[in-house]
Amino acid sequence: MRRAYRILYESGLNLTKAIGKIESELSGSSEIEVFVEFLKGTTRGIIGGKLP
């Protein structure tokens, strides 16, 4: 999940490209699949955050 977060928020990619990269690099984990489905289903976007 940490790697997915970094791809999403720190790679500089837009949401669509970040989702594609997460899917191609981190597929196989049920947590990642749920996360990607959530990202794909959002209609209002997502907000960023900082890791502790």
C-alpha atoms as a PDB file:
ATOM      1  CA  MET A   1       0.000   0.000   0.000  1.00  0.00           C
ATOM      2  CA  ARG A   2       2.840   2.364   0.717  1.00  0.00           C
ATOM      3  CA  ARG A   3       4.161   1.936  -2.837  1.00  0.00           C
ATOM      4  CA  ALA A   4       0.668   2.539  -4.257  1.00  0.00           C
ATOM      5  CA  TYR A   5       0.391   5.722  -2.191  1.00  0.00           C
ATOM      6  CA  ARG A   6       3.727   6.951  -3.459  1.00  0.00           C
ATOM      7  CA  ILE A   7       2.770   6.275  -7.074  1.00  0.00           C
ATOM      8  CA  LEU A   8      -0.559   8.041  -6.612  1.00  0.00           C
ATOM      9  CA  TYR A   9       0.631  11.126  -4.739  1.00  0.00           C
ATOM     10  CA  GLU A  10       4.353  11.537  -5.289  1.00  0.00           C
ATOM     11  CA  SER A  11       4.970  10.436  -8.879  1.00  0.00           C
ATOM     12  CA  GLY A  12       3.503  13.538 -10.505  1.00  0.00           C
ATOM     13  CA  LEU A  13       1.171  11.429 -12.655  1.00  0.00           C
ATOM     14  CA  ASN A  14      -2.469  12.274 -13.165  1.00  0.00           C
ATOM     15  CA  LEU A  15      -5.040   9.928 -11.630  1.00  0.00           C
ATOM     16  CA  THR A  16      -5.588   7.832 -14.756  1.00  0.00           C
ATOM     17  CA  LYS A  17      -1.883   7.268 -15.382  1.00  0.00           C
ATOM     18  CA  ALA A  18      -1.212   6.597 -11.700  1.00  0.00           C
ATOM     19  CA  ILE A  19      -3.955   3.950 -11.644  1.00  0.00           C
ATOM     20  CA  GLY A  20      -2.441   2.295 -14.703  1.00  0.00           C
ATOM     21  CA  LYS A  21       1.002   2.261 -13.135  1.00  0.00           C
ATOM     22  CA  ILE A  22      -0.317   0.851  -9.856  1.00  0.00           C
ATOM     23  CA  GLU A  23      -2.150  -1.889 -11.750  1.00  0.00           C
ATOM     24  CA  SER A  24       0.875  -2.812 -13.829  1.00  0.00           C
ATOM     25  CA  GLU A  25       3.440  -2.744 -11.020  1.00  0.00           C
ATOM     26  CA  LEU A  26       1.486  -3.884  -7.972  1.00  0.00           C
ATOM     27  CA  SER A  27      -1.202  -6.256  -9.217  1.00  0.00           C
ATOM     28  CA  GLY A  28      -1.853  -9.483  -7.340  1.00  0.00           C
ATOM     29  CA  SER A  29      -2.729  -8.086  -3.925  1.00  0.00           C
ATOM     30  CA  SER A  30      -6.384  -8.012  -2.911  1.00  0.00           C
ATOM     31  CA  GLU A  31      -5.795  -4.748  -1.011  1.00  0.00           C
ATOM     32  CA  ILE A  32      -4.355  -3.107  -4.119  1.00  0.00           C
ATOM     33  CA  GLU A  33      -7.268  -4.356  -6.218  1.00  0.00           C
ATOM     34  CA  VAL A  34      -9.788  -2.850  -3.773  1.00  0.00           C
ATOM     35  CA  PHE A  35      -7.826   0.420  -3.715  1.00  0.00           C
ATOM     36  CA  VAL A  36      -7.711   0.613  -7.525  1.00  0.00           C
ATOM     37  CA  GLU A  37     -11.442  -0.135  -7.822  1.00  0.00           C
ATOM     38  CA  PHE A  38     -12.127   2.654  -5.326  1.00  0.00           C
ATOM     39  CA  LEU A  39      -9.980   5.070  -7.330  1.00  0.00           C
ATOM     40  CA  LYS A  40     -11.697   4.095 -10.575  1.00  0.00           C
ATOM     41  CA  GLY A  41     -15.148   4.558  -9.043  1.00  0.00           C
ATOM     42  CA  THR A  42     -14.656   8.013  -7.637  1.00  0.00           C
ATOM     43  CA  THR A  43     -16.663  10.728  -9.344  1.00  0.00           C
ATOM     44  CA  ARG A  44     -15.467  13.671  -7.264  1.00  0.00           C
ATOM     45  CA  GLY A  45     -11.756  12.958  -7.183  1.00  0.00           C
ATOM     46  CA  ILE A  46      -9.518  12.282  -4.218  1.00  0.00           C
ATOM     47  CA  ILE A  47      -7.623  14.437  -1.767  1.00  0.00           C
ATOM     48  CA  GLY A  48      -3.967  14.081  -0.953  1.00  0.00           C
ATOM     49  CA  GLY A  49      -2.348  13.425   2.359  1.00  0.00           C
ATOM     50  CA  LYS A  50       0.996  12.945   4.047  1.00  0.00           C
ATOM     51  CA  LEU A  51       2.471   9.742   5.382  1.00  0.00           C
ATOM     52  CA  PRO A  52       3.371   9.890   9.053  1.00  0.00           C
END
